[in-house]
C-alpha cells in the first residue's frame, strides 16, 4: 500500500481538527462578549443570504441544464 495518501489524509484530518477547535473556541469567546440581539440579527441575515444563494444556484442549474437539452421532467 502506498504511504503517501495515509500520511496526507492523517495530516489533513489533524490540521482541520486543530483549526476547528481554535475556530470554535474563538467564536465561543467572542459570543460571550457580544449582544444576543445583534447575534440573532446577524444570524438571520446570514440565513437569508444563504437561502438566496442556494435559490440562485438551483435556478442557474435548471436554466443551464435545460439550455443544454437535458430532460428535467419527472417520470
C-alpha atoms as a PDB file:
ATOM      1  CA  UNK A   1       0.000   0.000   0.000  1.00  0.00           C
ATOM      2  CA  UNK A   2       1.202   3.469  -0.817  1.00  0.00           C
ATOM      3  CA  UNK A   3       2.065   5.513   2.276  1.00  0.00           C
ATOM      4  CA  UNK A   4       1.545   8.982   0.777  1.00  0.00           C
ATOM      5  CA  UNK A   5      -2.308   9.031   0.971  1.00  0.00           C
ATOM      6  CA  UNK A   6      -2.202   7.740   4.543  1.00  0.00           C
ATOM      7  CA  UNK A   7       0.213  10.481   5.632  1.00  0.00           C
ATOM      8  CA  UNK A   8      -1.613  13.251   3.780  1.00  0.00           C
ATOM      9  CA  UNK A   9      -5.086  12.225   4.985  1.00  0.00           C
ATOM     10  CA  UNK A  10      -3.810  11.940   8.554  1.00  0.00           C
ATOM     11  CA  UNK A  11      -2.144  15.351   8.322  1.00  0.00           C
ATOM     12  CA  UNK A  12      -5.251  16.909   6.787  1.00  0.00           C
ATOM     13  CA  UNK A  13      -7.533  15.454   9.464  1.00  0.00           C
ATOM     14  CA  UNK A  14      -5.174  16.628  12.210  1.00  0.00           C
ATOM     15  CA  UNK A  15      -4.804  20.143  10.750  1.00  0.00           C
ATOM     16  CA  UNK A  16      -8.552  20.541  10.192  1.00  0.00           C
ATOM     17  CA  UNK A  17      -9.295  19.217  13.682  1.00  0.00           C
ATOM     18  CA  UNK A  18      -6.922  21.721  15.282  1.00  0.00           C
ATOM     19  CA  UNK A  19      -8.293  24.556  13.119  1.00  0.00           C
ATOM     20  CA  UNK A  20     -11.888  23.665  14.017  1.00  0.00           C
ATOM     21  CA  UNK A  21     -11.015  23.559  17.716  1.00  0.00           C
ATOM     22  CA  UNK A  22      -9.492  27.033  17.676  1.00  0.00           C
ATOM     23  CA  UNK A  23     -12.267  28.430  15.453  1.00  0.00           C
ATOM     24  CA  UNK A  24     -14.963  27.144  17.802  1.00  0.00           C
ATOM     25  CA  UNK A  25     -13.027  28.395  20.828  1.00  0.00           C
ATOM     26  CA  UNK A  26     -12.582  31.857  19.285  1.00  0.00           C
ATOM     27  CA  UNK A  27     -16.247  32.127  18.307  1.00  0.00           C
ATOM     28  CA  UNK A  28     -17.327  30.968  21.753  1.00  0.00           C
ATOM     29  CA  UNK A  29     -15.111  33.586  23.394  1.00  0.00           C
ATOM     30  CA  UNK A  30     -16.464  36.292  21.065  1.00  0.00           C
ATOM     31  CA  UNK A  31     -20.027  35.194  21.775  1.00  0.00           C
ATOM     32  CA  UNK A  32     -19.601  35.781  25.489  1.00  0.00           C
ATOM     33  CA  UNK A  33     -18.799  39.439  24.816  1.00  0.00           C
ATOM     34  CA  UNK A  34     -21.434  40.090  22.147  1.00  0.00           C
ATOM     35  CA  UNK A  35     -25.043  41.209  22.469  1.00  0.00           C
ATOM     36  CA  UNK A  36     -27.606  38.444  21.973  1.00  0.00           C
ATOM     37  CA  UNK A  37     -29.888  40.622  19.830  1.00  0.00           C
ATOM     38  CA  UNK A  38     -27.033  41.514  17.489  1.00  0.00           C
ATOM     39  CA  UNK A  39     -26.064  37.859  17.184  1.00  0.00           C
ATOM     40  CA  UNK A  40     -29.613  36.850  16.272  1.00  0.00           C
ATOM     41  CA  UNK A  41     -29.879  39.676  13.739  1.00  0.00           C
ATOM     42  CA  UNK A  42     -26.579  38.656  12.121  1.00  0.00           C
ATOM     43  CA  UNK A  43     -27.616  35.006  12.108  1.00  0.00           C
ATOM     44  CA  UNK A  44     -30.885  35.881  10.394  1.00  0.00           C
ATOM     45  CA  UNK A  45     -29.074  37.915   7.761  1.00  0.00           C
ATOM     46  CA  UNK A  46     -26.646  35.081   7.094  1.00  0.00           C
ATOM     47  CA  UNK A  47     -29.510  32.576   6.795  1.00  0.00           C
ATOM     48  CA  UNK A  48     -31.287  34.854   4.314  1.00  0.00           C
ATOM     49  CA  UNK A  49     -28.125  35.297   2.237  1.00  0.00           C
ATOM     50  CA  UNK A  50     -27.569  31.541   2.257  1.00  0.00           C
ATOM     51  CA  UNK A  51     -31.155  30.862   1.161  1.00  0.00           C
ATOM     52  CA  UNK A  52     -30.889  33.397  -1.670  1.00  0.00           C
ATOM     53  CA  UNK A  53     -27.561  31.966  -2.794  1.00  0.00           C
ATOM     54  CA  UNK A  54     -28.999  28.444  -2.738  1.00  0.00           C
ATOM     55  CA  UNK A  55     -32.012  29.579  -4.758  1.00  0.00           C
ATOM     56  CA  UNK A  56     -29.685  31.255  -7.271  1.00  0.00           C
ATOM     57  CA  UNK A  57     -27.572  28.121  -7.677  1.00  0.00           C
ATOM     58  CA  UNK A  58     -30.668  25.940  -8.152  1.00  0.00           C
ATOM     59  CA  UNK A  59     -32.135  28.303 -10.742  1.00  0.00           C
ATOM     60  CA  UNK A  60     -28.804  28.530 -12.538  1.00  0.00           C
ATOM     61  CA  UNK A  61     -28.531  24.727 -12.610  1.00  0.00           C
ATOM     62  CA  UNK A  62     -32.043  24.344 -14.051  1.00  0.00           C
ATOM     63  CA  UNK A  63     -31.518  27.040 -16.680  1.00  0.00           C
ATOM     64  CA  UNK A  64     -28.151  25.605 -17.692  1.00  0.00           C
ATOM     65  CA  UNK A  65     -29.445  22.040 -17.841  1.00  0.00           C
ATOM     66  CA  UNK A  66     -32.483  22.999 -19.910  1.00  0.00           C
ATOM     67  CA  UNK A  67     -30.261  25.064 -22.210  1.00  0.00           C
ATOM     68  CA  UNK A  68     -28.063  22.034 -22.738  1.00  0.00           C
ATOM     69  CA  UNK A  69     -31.136  19.960 -23.594  1.00  0.00           C
ATOM     70  CA  UNK A  70     -31.304  17.743 -20.529  1.00  0.00           C
ATOM     71  CA  UNK A  71     -34.691  16.220 -19.694  1.00  0.00           C
ATOM     72  CA  UNK A  72     -35.825  17.519 -16.300  1.00  0.00           C
ATOM     73  CA  UNK A  73     -39.340  16.086 -16.280  1.00  0.00           C
ATOM     74  CA  UNK A  74     -40.440  13.651 -13.607  1.00  0.00           C
ATOM     75  CA  UNK A  75     -41.427  10.172 -14.811  1.00  0.00           C
END
